Structures are given as C-alpha cells and as structure tokens.
C-alpha atoms as a PDB file:
ATOM      1  CA  UNK A   1       0.515  -2.800  44.266  1.00  0.00           C
ATOM      2  CA  UNK A   2      -0.819  -1.363  40.995  1.00  0.00           C
ATOM      3  CA  UNK A   3      -2.342  -3.737  38.454  1.00  0.00           C
ATOM      4  CA  UNK A   4      -0.940  -3.297  34.943  1.00  0.00           C
ATOM      5  CA  UNK A   5      -3.817  -3.634  32.481  1.00  0.00           C
ATOM      6  CA  UNK A   6      -1.944  -2.834  29.267  1.00  0.00           C
ATOM      7  CA  UNK A   7       1.545  -3.421  27.960  1.00  0.00           C
ATOM      8  CA  UNK A   8       3.789  -0.392  27.289  1.00  0.00           C
ATOM      9  CA  UNK A   9       2.769   1.707  24.279  1.00  0.00           C
ATOM     10  CA  UNK A  10      -0.512  -0.199  23.895  1.00  0.00           C
ATOM     11  CA  UNK A  11      -2.954   2.009  25.798  1.00  0.00           C
ATOM     12  CA  UNK A  12      -5.452   4.442  24.323  1.00  0.00           C
ATOM     13  CA  UNK A  13      -3.142   7.445  24.164  1.00  0.00           C
ATOM     14  CA  UNK A  14      -0.196   5.474  22.832  1.00  0.00           C
ATOM     15  CA  UNK A  15      -2.262   3.902  20.069  1.00  0.00           C
ATOM     16  CA  UNK A  16      -3.723   7.231  18.966  1.00  0.00           C
ATOM     17  CA  UNK A  17      -0.189   8.594  18.769  1.00  0.00           C
ATOM     18  CA  UNK A  18       1.008   5.532  16.827  1.00  0.00           C
ATOM     19  CA  UNK A  19      -1.807   5.755  14.311  1.00  0.00           C
ATOM     20  CA  UNK A  20      -1.353   9.523  13.990  1.00  0.00           C
ATOM     21  CA  UNK A  21       2.365   9.130  13.315  1.00  0.00           C
ATOM     22  CA  UNK A  22       1.842   6.558  10.563  1.00  0.00           C
ATOM     23  CA  UNK A  23      -0.742   8.549   8.541  1.00  0.00           C
ATOM     24  CA  UNK A  24       0.921  10.929   6.065  1.00  0.00           C
ATOM     25  CA  UNK A  25      -0.856  14.258   5.590  1.00  0.00           C
ATOM     26  CA  UNK A  26      -1.238  13.554   1.867  1.00  0.00           C
ATOM     27  CA  UNK A  27      -3.391  10.487   2.666  1.00  0.00           C
ATOM     28  CA  UNK A  28      -5.737  12.794   4.568  1.00  0.00           C
ATOM     29  CA  UNK A  29      -5.878  15.299   1.715  1.00  0.00           C
ATOM     30  CA  UNK A  30      -3.629  17.840   3.454  1.00  0.00           C
ATOM     31  CA  UNK A  31      -0.878  19.838   1.834  1.00  0.00           C
ATOM     32  CA  UNK A  32       2.604  19.600   3.278  1.00  0.00           C
ATOM     33  CA  UNK A  33       5.103  22.419   3.437  1.00  0.00           C
ATOM     34  CA  UNK A  34       8.743  21.972   2.553  1.00  0.00           C
ATOM     35  CA  UNK A  35      11.000  21.222   5.485  1.00  0.00           C
ATOM     36  CA  UNK A  36       8.213  19.567   7.444  1.00  0.00           C
ATOM     37  CA  UNK A  37       9.707  17.280  10.088  1.00  0.00           C
ATOM     38  CA  UNK A  38       6.632  15.285  11.077  1.00  0.00           C
ATOM     39  CA  UNK A  39       6.027  12.352   8.727  1.00  0.00           C
ATOM     40  CA  UNK A  40       2.556  11.754  10.112  1.00  0.00           C
ATOM     41  CA  UNK A  41      -0.278  14.016  11.173  1.00  0.00           C
ATOM     42  CA  UNK A  42       0.323  16.770  13.698  1.00  0.00           C
ATOM     43  CA  UNK A  43      -1.962  16.917  16.708  1.00  0.00           C
ATOM     44  CA  UNK A  44      -3.711  20.010  15.420  1.00  0.00           C
ATOM     45  CA  UNK A  45      -4.309  18.321  12.055  1.00  0.00           C
ATOM     46  CA  UNK A  46      -5.862  15.278  13.703  1.00  0.00           C
ATOM     47  CA  UNK A  47      -7.970  17.537  15.909  1.00  0.00           C
ATOM     48  CA  UNK A  48      -9.232  19.438  12.872  1.00  0.00           C
ATOM     49  CA  UNK A  49     -10.033  16.265  10.927  1.00  0.00           C
ATOM     50  CA  UNK A  50     -11.830  14.710  13.901  1.00  0.00           C
ATOM     51  CA  UNK A  51     -13.671  17.881  14.932  1.00  0.00           C
ATOM     52  CA  UNK A  52     -12.258  17.990  18.465  1.00  0.00           C
ATOM     53  CA  UNK A  53      -9.975  20.453  20.246  1.00  0.00           C
ATOM     54  CA  UNK A  54      -6.202  20.163  20.107  1.00  0.00           C
ATOM     55  CA  UNK A  55      -6.158  20.220  23.907  1.00  0.00           C
ATOM     56  CA  UNK A  56      -8.392  17.146  23.995  1.00  0.00           C
ATOM     57  CA  UNK A  57      -6.097  15.257  21.617  1.00  0.00           C
ATOM     58  CA  UNK A  58      -3.164  16.178  23.874  1.00  0.00           C
ATOM     59  CA  UNK A  59      -5.003  14.948  26.967  1.00  0.00           C
ATOM     60  CA  UNK A  60      -5.935  11.681  25.225  1.00  0.00           C
ATOM     61  CA  UNK A  61      -2.362  11.010  24.149  1.00  0.00           C
ATOM     62  CA  UNK A  62      -0.981  11.879  27.572  1.00  0.00           C
ATOM     63  CA  UNK A  63      -3.470   9.605  29.322  1.00  0.00           C
ATOM     64  CA  UNK A  64      -5.238  12.443  31.146  1.00  0.00           C
ATOM     65  CA  UNK A  65      -8.461  11.653  29.223  1.00  0.00           C
ATOM     66  CA  UNK A  66      -9.276   7.955  29.009  1.00  0.00           C
ATOM     67  CA  UNK A  67     -12.997   7.659  28.327  1.00  0.00           C
ATOM     68  CA  UNK A  68     -13.920   9.594  25.183  1.00  0.00           C
ATOM     69  CA  UNK A  69     -17.514   9.384  23.985  1.00  0.00           C
ATOM     70  CA  UNK A  70     -18.574   7.004  21.211  1.00  0.00           C
ATOM     71  CA  UNK A  71     -19.016   9.922  18.799  1.00  0.00           C
ATOM     72  CA  UNK A  72     -15.473  11.163  19.470  1.00  0.00           C
ATOM     73  CA  UNK A  73     -14.044   7.670  18.992  1.00  0.00           C
ATOM     74  CA  UNK A  74     -15.930   7.315  15.707  1.00  0.00           C
ATOM     75  CA  UNK A  75     -14.551  10.668  14.519  1.00  0.00           C
ATOM     76  CA  UNK A  76     -11.016   9.714  15.516  1.00  0.00           C
ATOM     77  CA  UNK A  77     -11.309   6.363  13.741  1.00  0.00           C
ATOM     78  CA  UNK A  78     -12.427   8.073  10.518  1.00  0.00           C
ATOM     79  CA  UNK A  79      -9.754  10.757  10.753  1.00  0.00           C
ATOM     80  CA  UNK A  80      -7.028   8.164  11.371  1.00  0.00           C
ATOM     81  CA  UNK A  81      -8.380   5.977   8.546  1.00  0.00           C
ATOM     82  CA  UNK A  82      -8.432   2.896  10.750  1.00  0.00           C
ATOM     83  CA  UNK A  83      -9.347  -0.523   9.446  1.00  0.00           C
ATOM     84  CA  UNK A  84     -12.393  -2.236  10.968  1.00  0.00           C
ATOM     85  CA  UNK A  85     -10.297  -4.317  13.435  1.00  0.00           C
ATOM     86  CA  UNK A  86      -8.317  -1.192  14.416  1.00  0.00           C
ATOM     87  CA  UNK A  87     -11.513   0.802  14.871  1.00  0.00           C
ATOM     88  CA  UNK A  88     -12.920  -1.922  17.108  1.00  0.00           C
ATOM     89  CA  UNK A  89      -9.673  -1.951  19.116  1.00  0.00           C
ATOM     90  CA  UNK A  90      -9.919   1.807  19.605  1.00  0.00           C
ATOM     91  CA  UNK A  91     -13.466   1.432  20.946  1.00  0.00           C
ATOM     92  CA  UNK A  92     -12.354  -1.232  23.408  1.00  0.00           C
ATOM     93  CA  UNK A  93      -9.410   0.862  24.601  1.00  0.00           C
ATOM     94  CA  UNK A  94     -11.934   3.630  25.285  1.00  0.00           C
ATOM     95  CA  UNK A  95     -14.003   1.099  27.284  1.00  0.00           C
ATOM     96  CA  UNK A  96     -16.781   1.138  24.699  1.00  0.00           C
ATOM     97  CA  UNK A  97     -18.526  -1.627  22.767  1.00  0.00           C
ATOM     98  CA  UNK A  98     -17.559  -1.538  19.060  1.00  0.00           C
ATOM     99  CA  UNK A  99     -20.439  -0.670  16.728  1.00  0.00           C
ATOM    100  CA  UNK A 100     -22.287  -3.580  15.190  1.00  0.00           C
ATOM    101  CA  UNK A 101     -21.175  -4.275  11.662  1.00  0.00           C
ATOM    102  CA  UNK A 102     -24.600  -5.466  10.633  1.00  0.00           C
ATOM    103  CA  UNK A 103     -24.870  -3.605   7.334  1.00  0.00           C
ATOM    104  CA  UNK A 104     -23.340  -4.558   4.008  1.00  0.00           C
ATOM    105  CA  UNK A 105     -20.640  -2.168   2.868  1.00  0.00           C
ATOM    106  CA  UNK A 106     -20.154  -0.982  -0.719  1.00  0.00           C
ATOM    107  CA  UNK A 107     -16.848   0.633   0.221  1.00  0.00           C
ATOM    108  CA  UNK A 108     -13.772  -0.700  -1.577  1.00  0.00           C
ATOM    109  CA  UNK A 109     -10.793  -0.300   0.810  1.00  0.00           C
ATOM    110  CA  UNK A 110      -7.725   1.608  -0.471  1.00  0.00           C
ATOM    111  CA  UNK A 111      -5.577  -1.525  -0.426  1.00  0.00           C
ATOM    112  CA  UNK A 112      -8.057  -3.430  -2.576  1.00  0.00           C
ATOM    113  CA  UNK A 113      -8.271  -0.442  -4.926  1.00  0.00           C
ATOM    114  CA  UNK A 114      -4.501  -0.502  -5.416  1.00  0.00           C
ATOM    115  CA  UNK A 115      -4.449  -4.242  -6.071  1.00  0.00           C
ATOM    116  CA  UNK A 116      -7.195  -4.272  -8.703  1.00  0.00           C
ATOM    117  CA  UNK A 117      -5.785  -1.143 -10.363  1.00  0.00           C
ATOM    118  CA  UNK A 118      -2.556  -3.069 -10.975  1.00  0.00           C
ATOM    119  CA  UNK A 119      -4.269  -5.952 -12.760  1.00  0.00           C
ATOM    120  CA  UNK A 120      -4.005  -4.110 -16.068  1.00  0.00           C
ATOM    121  CA  UNK A 121      -5.995  -5.648 -18.913  1.00  0.00           C
ATOM    122  CA  UNK A 122      -7.609  -8.345 -16.760  1.00  0.00           C
ATOM    123  CA  UNK A 123     -11.413  -8.046 -16.576  1.00  0.00           C
ATOM    124  CA  UNK A 124     -12.223  -7.258 -12.939  1.00  0.00           C
ATOM    125  CA  UNK A 125     -15.372  -6.286 -11.043  1.00  0.00           C
ATOM    126  CA  UNK A 126     -16.128  -5.888  -7.344  1.00  0.00           C
ATOM    127  CA  UNK A 127     -19.434  -6.968  -5.804  1.00  0.00           C
ATOM    128  CA  UNK A 128     -20.773  -6.359  -2.301  1.00  0.00           C
ATOM    129  CA  UNK A 129     -21.825  -9.235  -0.045  1.00  0.00           C
ATOM    130  CA  UNK A 130     -25.317  -9.253  -1.631  1.00  0.00           C
ATOM    131  CA  UNK A 131     -23.846  -9.445  -5.154  1.00  0.00           C
ATOM    132  CA  UNK A 132     -24.500  -5.773  -5.845  1.00  0.00           C
ATOM    133  CA  UNK A 133     -21.974  -4.505  -8.400  1.00  0.00           C
ATOM    134  CA  UNK A 134     -19.965  -1.625  -6.902  1.00  0.00           C
ATOM    135  CA  UNK A 135     -16.974  -1.288  -9.277  1.00  0.00           C
ATOM    136  CA  UNK A 136     -15.696  -2.556 -12.603  1.00  0.00           C
ATOM    137  CA  UNK A 137     -12.774  -1.737 -14.887  1.00  0.00           C
ATOM    138  CA  UNK A 138     -12.513  -0.966 -18.593  1.00  0.00           C
ATOM    139  CA  UNK A 139     -11.686  -4.548 -19.534  1.00  0.00           C
ATOM    140  CA  UNK A 140     -14.839  -5.790 -17.799  1.00  0.00           C
ATOM    141  CA  UNK A 141     -16.958  -3.322 -19.786  1.00  0.00           C
ATOM    142  CA  UNK A 142     -15.218  -4.307 -23.008  1.00  0.00           C
ATOM    143  CA  UNK A 143     -15.756  -8.017 -22.411  1.00  0.00           C
ATOM    144  CA  UNK A 144     -19.352  -8.013 -21.139  1.00  0.00           C
ATOM    145  CA  UNK A 145     -20.733  -4.595 -22.048  1.00  0.00           C
ATOM    146  CA  UNK A 146     -21.001  -1.499 -19.894  1.00  0.00           C
ATOM    147  CA  UNK A 147     -23.185  -2.147 -16.814  1.00  0.00           C
ATOM    148  CA  UNK A 148     -23.316   1.601 -16.225  1.00  0.00           C
ATOM    149  CA  UNK A 149     -26.103   1.774 -18.802  1.00  0.00           C
ATOM    150  CA  UNK A 150     -28.433   0.058 -16.298  1.00  0.00           C
ATOM    151  CA  UNK A 151     -29.981   1.655 -13.197  1.00  0.00           C
ATOM    152  CA  UNK A 152     -27.806   1.124 -10.133  1.00  0.00           C
ATOM    153  CA  UNK A 153     -30.433  -0.946  -8.316  1.00  0.00           C
ATOM    154  CA  UNK A 154     -30.505  -3.501 -11.144  1.00  0.00           C
ATOM    155  CA  UNK A 155     -26.741  -4.081 -11.198  1.00  0.00           C
ATOM    156  CA  UNK A 156     -27.017  -7.194  -9.089  1.00  0.00           C
ATOM    157  CA  UNK A 157     -25.717 -10.610 -10.116  1.00  0.00           C
ATOM    158  CA  UNK A 158     -28.332 -12.541  -8.134  1.00  0.00           C
ATOM    159  CA  UNK A 159     -31.137 -10.448  -9.645  1.00  0.00           C
ATOM    160  CA  UNK A 160     -29.697 -11.135 -13.117  1.00  0.00           C
ATOM    161  CA  UNK A 161     -29.633 -14.895 -12.538  1.00  0.00           C
ATOM    162  CA  UNK A 162     -33.105 -15.029 -11.026  1.00  0.00           C
ATOM    163  CA  UNK A 163     -35.114 -12.330 -12.823  1.00  0.00           C
ATOM    164  CA  UNK A 164     -38.485 -11.237 -11.528  1.00  0.00           C
ATOM    165  CA  UNK A 165     -40.996 -10.452 -14.236  1.00  0.00           C
ATOM    166  CA  UNK A 166     -38.681 -11.215 -17.146  1.00  0.00           C
ATOM    167  CA  UNK A 167     -36.416  -8.695 -18.819  1.00  0.00           C
ATOM    168  CA  UNK A 168     -32.882  -8.801 -20.172  1.00  0.00           C
ATOM    169  CA  UNK A 169     -29.789  -9.177 -17.949  1.00  0.00           C
ATOM    170  CA  UNK A 170     -28.131  -5.973 -16.788  1.00  0.00           C
ATOM    171  CA  UNK A 171     -24.586  -7.178 -16.130  1.00  0.00           C
ATOM    172  CA  UNK A 172     -23.883  -8.868 -19.469  1.00  0.00           C
ATOM    173  CA  UNK A 173     -24.988  -7.249 -22.718  1.00  0.00           C
ATOM    174  CA  UNK A 174     -24.479 -10.378 -24.821  1.00  0.00           C
ATOM    175  CA  UNK A 175     -25.037 -14.133 -24.310  1.00  0.00           C
ATOM    176  CA  UNK A 176     -22.944 -15.981 -21.730  1.00  0.00           C
ATOM    177  CA  UNK A 177     -22.761 -19.779 -21.481  1.00  0.00           C
ATOM    178  CA  UNK A 178     -21.602 -21.540 -18.324  1.00  0.00           C
ATOM    179  CA  UNK A 179     -19.981 -24.906 -17.827  1.00  0.00           C
ATOM    180  CA  UNK A 180     -22.480 -25.843 -15.108  1.00  0.00           C
ATOM    181  CA  UNK A 181     -25.273 -23.306 -14.786  1.00  0.00           C
ATOM    182  CA  UNK A 182     -27.140 -25.373 -12.220  1.00  0.00           C
ATOM    183  CA  UNK A 183     -24.110 -25.527  -9.921  1.00  0.00           C
ATOM    184  CA  UNK A 184     -23.603 -21.768 -10.220  1.00  0.00           C
ATOM    185  CA  UNK A 185     -27.260 -21.118  -9.372  1.00  0.00           C
ATOM    186  CA  UNK A 186     -26.903 -23.255  -6.251  1.00  0.00           C
ATOM    187  CA  UNK A 187     -23.662 -21.465  -5.333  1.00  0.00           C
ATOM    188  CA  UNK A 188     -25.126 -17.966  -5.686  1.00  0.00           C
ATOM    189  CA  UNK A 189     -28.227 -18.769  -3.606  1.00  0.00           C
ATOM    190  CA  UNK A 190     -26.246 -20.513  -0.861  1.00  0.00           C
ATOM    191  CA  UNK A 191     -23.779 -17.623  -0.829  1.00  0.00           C
ATOM    192  CA  UNK A 192     -26.660 -15.179  -0.302  1.00  0.00           C
ATOM    193  CA  UNK A 193     -27.883 -17.309   2.595  1.00  0.00           C
ATOM    194  CA  UNK A 194     -24.386 -17.158   4.081  1.00  0.00           C
ATOM    195  CA  UNK A 195     -24.545 -13.355   3.760  1.00  0.00           C
ATOM    196  CA  UNK A 196     -27.796 -13.263   5.748  1.00  0.00           C
ATOM    197  CA  UNK A 197     -25.945 -14.848   8.648  1.00  0.00           C
ATOM    198  CA  UNK A 198     -23.099 -12.376   8.376  1.00  0.00           C
ATOM    199  CA  UNK A 199     -25.406  -9.346   7.934  1.00  0.00           C
ATOM    200  CA  UNK A 200     -28.714 -10.328   9.567  1.00  0.00           C
ATOM    201  CA  UNK A 201     -29.975  -6.745   9.867  1.00  0.00           C
ATOM    202  CA  UNK A 202     -29.086  -5.448   6.397  1.00  0.00           C
ATOM    203  CA  UNK A 203     -32.256  -4.065   4.800  1.00  0.00           C
ATOM    204  CA  UNK A 204     -31.021  -4.191   1.196  1.00  0.00           C
ATOM    205  CA  UNK A 205     -30.103  -7.867   1.497  1.00  0.00           C
ATOM    206  CA  UNK A 206     -33.394  -8.728   3.205  1.00  0.00           C
ATOM    207  CA  UNK A 207     -35.367  -6.886   0.510  1.00  0.00           C
ATOM    208  CA  UNK A 208     -33.463  -8.706  -2.247  1.00  0.00           C
ATOM    209  CA  UNK A 209     -34.157 -12.132  -0.743  1.00  0.00           C
ATOM    210  CA  UNK A 210     -37.854 -11.294  -0.253  1.00  0.00           C
ATOM    211  CA  UNK A 211     -38.158 -10.076  -3.835  1.00  0.00           C
ATOM    212  CA  UNK A 212     -36.465 -13.101  -5.383  1.00  0.00           C
ATOM    213  CA  UNK A 213     -38.250 -15.601  -3.149  1.00  0.00           C
ATOM    214  CA  UNK A 214     -41.650 -14.160  -4.041  1.00  0.00           C
ATOM    215  CA  UNK A 215     -40.966 -13.505  -7.709  1.00  0.00           C
ATOM    216  CA  UNK A 216     -38.715 -16.304  -8.956  1.00  0.00           C
ATOM    217  CA  UNK A 217     -39.773 -19.922  -8.509  1.00  0.00           C
ATOM    218  CA  UNK A 218     -36.296 -21.376  -9.031  1.00  0.00           C
ATOM    219  CA  UNK A 219     -34.750 -19.066  -6.465  1.00  0.00           C
ATOM    220  CA  UNK A 220     -37.466 -19.922  -3.965  1.00  0.00           C
ATOM    221  CA  UNK A 221     -36.893 -23.643  -4.494  1.00  0.00           C
ATOM    222  CA  UNK A 222     -33.131 -23.364  -4.048  1.00  0.00           C
ATOM    223  CA  UNK A 223     -33.538 -21.061  -1.048  1.00  0.00           C
ATOM    224  CA  UNK A 224     -35.763 -23.625   0.632  1.00  0.00           C
ATOM    225  CA  UNK A 225     -32.938 -26.190   0.627  1.00  0.00           C
ATOM    226  CA  UNK A 226     -31.091 -24.195   3.300  1.00  0.00           C
ATOM    227  CA  UNK A 227     -27.680 -24.693   1.668  1.00  0.00           C
ATOM    228  CA  UNK A 228     -24.876 -22.432   2.911  1.00  0.00           C
ATOM    229  CA  UNK A 229     -21.610 -22.011   0.980  1.00  0.00           C
ATOM    230  CA  UNK A 230     -19.616 -19.495  -1.051  1.00  0.00           C
ATOM    231  CA  UNK A 231     -19.374 -18.976  -4.819  1.00  0.00           C
ATOM    232  CA  UNK A 232     -15.681 -19.163  -5.724  1.00  0.00           C
ATOM    233  CA  UNK A 233     -15.145 -20.183  -9.353  1.00  0.00           C
ATOM    234  CA  UNK A 234     -16.803 -20.799 -12.689  1.00  0.00           C
ATOM    235  CA  UNK A 235     -15.992 -21.270 -16.375  1.00  0.00           C
ATOM    236  CA  UNK A 236     -17.839 -19.146 -18.904  1.00  0.00           C
ATOM    237  CA  UNK A 237     -17.973 -18.588 -22.647  1.00  0.00           C
ATOM    238  CA  UNK A 238     -18.870 -15.031 -23.586  1.00  0.00           C
ATOM    239  CA  UNK A 239     -20.261 -14.559 -27.082  1.00  0.00           C
ATOM    240  CA  UNK A 240     -18.763 -11.173 -27.873  1.00  0.00           C
ATOM    241  CA  UNK A 241     -20.434  -9.472 -30.857  1.00  0.00           C
ATOM    242  CA  UNK A 242     -17.128  -8.257 -32.341  1.00  0.00           C
ATOM    243  CA  UNK A 243     -14.500 -10.886 -31.569  1.00  0.00           C
ATOM    244  CA  UNK A 244     -16.595 -14.044 -31.230  1.00  0.00           C
ATOM    245  CA  UNK A 245     -16.745 -16.558 -28.363  1.00  0.00           C
ATOM    246  CA  UNK A 246     -14.277 -16.019 -25.515  1.00  0.00           C
ATOM    247  CA  UNK A 247     -13.794 -18.828 -22.975  1.00  0.00           C
ATOM    248  CA  UNK A 248     -12.694 -17.494 -19.588  1.00  0.00           C
ATOM    249  CA  UNK A 249     -12.083 -18.741 -16.084  1.00  0.00           C
ATOM    250  CA  UNK A 250     -14.054 -16.754 -13.529  1.00  0.00           C
ATOM    251  CA  UNK A 251     -12.532 -16.663 -10.041  1.00  0.00           C
ATOM    252  CA  UNK A 252     -14.090 -15.007  -7.003  1.00  0.00           C
ATOM    253  CA  UNK A 253     -11.750 -13.678  -4.320  1.00  0.00           C
ATOM    254  CA  UNK A 254     -12.846 -12.308  -0.929  1.00  0.00           C
ATOM    255  CA  UNK A 255     -11.449  -9.300   0.944  1.00  0.00           C
ATOM    256  CA  UNK A 256     -12.222 -10.445   4.486  1.00  0.00           C
ATOM    257  CA  UNK A 257     -14.410  -8.558   6.957  1.00  0.00           C
ATOM    258  CA  UNK A 258     -16.635  -6.664   4.531  1.00  0.00           C
ATOM    259  CA  UNK A 259     -17.270  -9.770   2.391  1.00  0.00           C
ATOM    260  CA  UNK A 260     -16.539  -7.973  -0.871  1.00  0.00           C
ATOM    261  CA  UNK A 261     -16.293 -10.306  -3.868  1.00  0.00           C
ATOM    262  CA  UNK A 262     -13.521  -9.538  -6.355  1.00  0.00           C
ATOM    263  CA  UNK A 263     -14.424 -11.282  -9.615  1.00  0.00           C
ATOM    264  CA  UNK A 264     -11.589 -11.822 -12.081  1.00  0.00           C
ATOM    265  CA  UNK A 265     -11.988 -13.186 -15.617  1.00  0.00           C
ATOM    266  CA  UNK A 266      -8.919 -14.542 -17.403  1.00  0.00           C
ATOM    267  CA  UNK A 267      -8.208 -16.748 -20.416  1.00  0.00           C
ATOM    268  CA  UNK A 268      -5.627 -19.518 -20.674  1.00  0.00           C
ATOM    269  CA  UNK A 269      -2.188 -18.046 -21.512  1.00  0.00           C
ATOM    270  CA  UNK A 270      -1.247 -18.375 -25.173  1.00  0.00           C
ATOM    271  CA  UNK A 271      -4.720 -19.504 -26.219  1.00  0.00           C
ATOM    272  CA  UNK A 272      -6.992 -18.113 -28.927  1.00  0.00           C
ATOM    273  CA  UNK A 273      -9.305 -17.037 -26.122  1.00  0.00           C
ATOM    274  CA  UNK A 274      -6.564 -14.873 -24.646  1.00  0.00           C
ATOM    275  CA  UNK A 275      -6.088 -13.240 -28.059  1.00  0.00           C
ATOM    276  CA  UNK A 276      -9.828 -12.605 -28.356  1.00  0.00           C
ATOM    277  CA  UNK A 277      -9.909 -11.230 -24.820  1.00  0.00           C
ATOM    278  CA  UNK A 278      -7.253  -8.694 -25.776  1.00  0.00           C
ATOM    279  CA  UNK A 279      -9.073  -7.860 -29.008  1.00  0.00           C
ATOM    280  CA  UNK A 280     -12.263  -7.259 -27.029  1.00  0.00           C
ATOM    281  CA  UNK A 281     -10.394  -4.758 -24.850  1.00  0.00           C
ATOM    282  CA  UNK A 282      -9.228  -2.934 -27.980  1.00  0.00           C
ATOM    283  CA  UNK A 283     -12.633  -3.103 -29.686  1.00  0.00           C
ATOM    284  CA  UNK A 284     -14.417  -1.184 -26.969  1.00  0.00           C
ATOM    285  CA  UNK A 285     -13.512  -0.047 -23.506  1.00  0.00           C
ATOM    286  CA  UNK A 286     -16.023   2.345 -21.902  1.00  0.00           C
ATOM    287  CA  UNK A 287     -14.959   4.232 -18.803  1.00  0.00           C
ATOM    288  CA  UNK A 288     -14.779   2.287 -15.559  1.00  0.00           C
ATOM    289  CA  UNK A 289     -17.046   3.020 -12.626  1.00  0.00           C
ATOM    290  CA  UNK A 290     -15.619   5.370 -10.014  1.00  0.00           C
ATOM    291  CA  UNK A 291     -14.416   3.934  -6.756  1.00  0.00           C
END
C-alpha cells in the first residue's frame, strides 16, 4: 500500500503551479497582450524569469522532476516573488534545507510599501533590524530634516544616540527633546541585543555593536546589563526652525520576519501640534528616499 506524504494539490509541482497562476505578468514586469486568457504567468514566462528550460518547468509541475537543485529553487522563489515562509516551504518540498536567514535585510516588502504609501501626510520612516534607516517619506524630511544629506553609513538611529567621537546627529537636523531619554536609550540598546540573537551572523550589526561598545561609554555600560527588549513607543518634541516646537507620539511597528521597524510620528488630533505638523509639511518637503 502506497504511503501518501502530501495532501492533494500540496506537492512541489502543485505549489509551483499555484504560485505561478497567482502572479500577474505585470507584477513581474512583463507586458500582456490583449485577449490573454492566463491571469498568471505562463510556463515559458516563469522559465525565462527563473533561467531554466520550459521543459523542466513542465516536468516539475507534472511531478516527473521532484528534486531540483538549491540554485534552481532559489531562482524559482525569486521569479515567483515568494515570501520568506513560502520560499522556505518550496525548499522543503524539494527536500532541501531552507537557507539561513542570518543577515539583516534592508528590503521593504511590496505590501509594506503599499501600506506606508497610503499614510499620506504622516511622518514615516523604515529602519532595518540594526536601526539603519532604509526609507523615509516627504513628511519625515519636512519634520526632521532630510537625512539624505548624510552619508548612508551614518543614517543609523543607534549611532545617532550613542555618537563615537562627537559630531552632530544625522537623522534629525534640529533639536529633539524626549519625554524619557534614559528609557529610550535603554530600549534602543536592548533592542539591538535582541537583534544579535535574531541575526547572530550579520556583519553590519556586529560591526556596529563593536564600534559603539568601544567608542561610547554609555552604550558600553547599557550593553553590559544584558537587557533584551524591543523599542516600541516614545514621545518627542521637535523644535522645528520654521513652525516652532511640535509634540509628537512616536510609535514603532514591526513587519515580522525581517524585523523591519516602521516608525510613525503623529500629533494629537485637533491640537496645535497637529497644525504645526501640517505647516512643517508645507514649509519644506524634500524628496523621499527610493524604495
């Protein structure tokens, strides 16, 4: 008697077909002709995107090829635009061990891009797991100053809070007061320690921690406590040079697997701070960073 190892339509070939059918050609940068019947990718289109033969895609979907190489699986995952859990599932279906996700990602997923693009005039920025700034919108630039004027390496919130060798901040061009600066310092350091557990082999994170530990006494002291937590909220007053002080709530949202930090600054509805926040957006709004 045969042993059934997968449920119907859940094997390797079936899943490739399912993911191919759901991906519109436009999402893959392909033009579509009028009268096209297939809503998703055709086999030849997937083959071209993945750099494999059409015959091999056919054999995979029909179950005549069941053990593709790791490089082929990686190419298929990229071509099909799979999420990290889906990519890992594809590897397992191919009887392979999923690649280690030991490096911090600066990639902002399409879904997150759509969400933050719809936030309108709200000041929003996205940081990687090591607090490296990877994206910001016009309202963020208008409220805090354009971080694009600083070298990319220096656009790091932890490096701003714990400077090595002095120097002005690179993420805020004018003074910012916090309700509890000490608590925020603790939160940022303990959040970085949490990141080292999530990404133990990331070189950029390791280099940042080494630099701050050796060059900033306060960071070194807080790091030595061994605290582990996440930085989620704060209250700040931004002394804008054109509209005056703006009190904002600063909330930090997470995206899940990649540990991106979506930082949103808002003012209380109907308050003078909300009016000043809007005036700041009108006073100056440099271009946002590209996703």
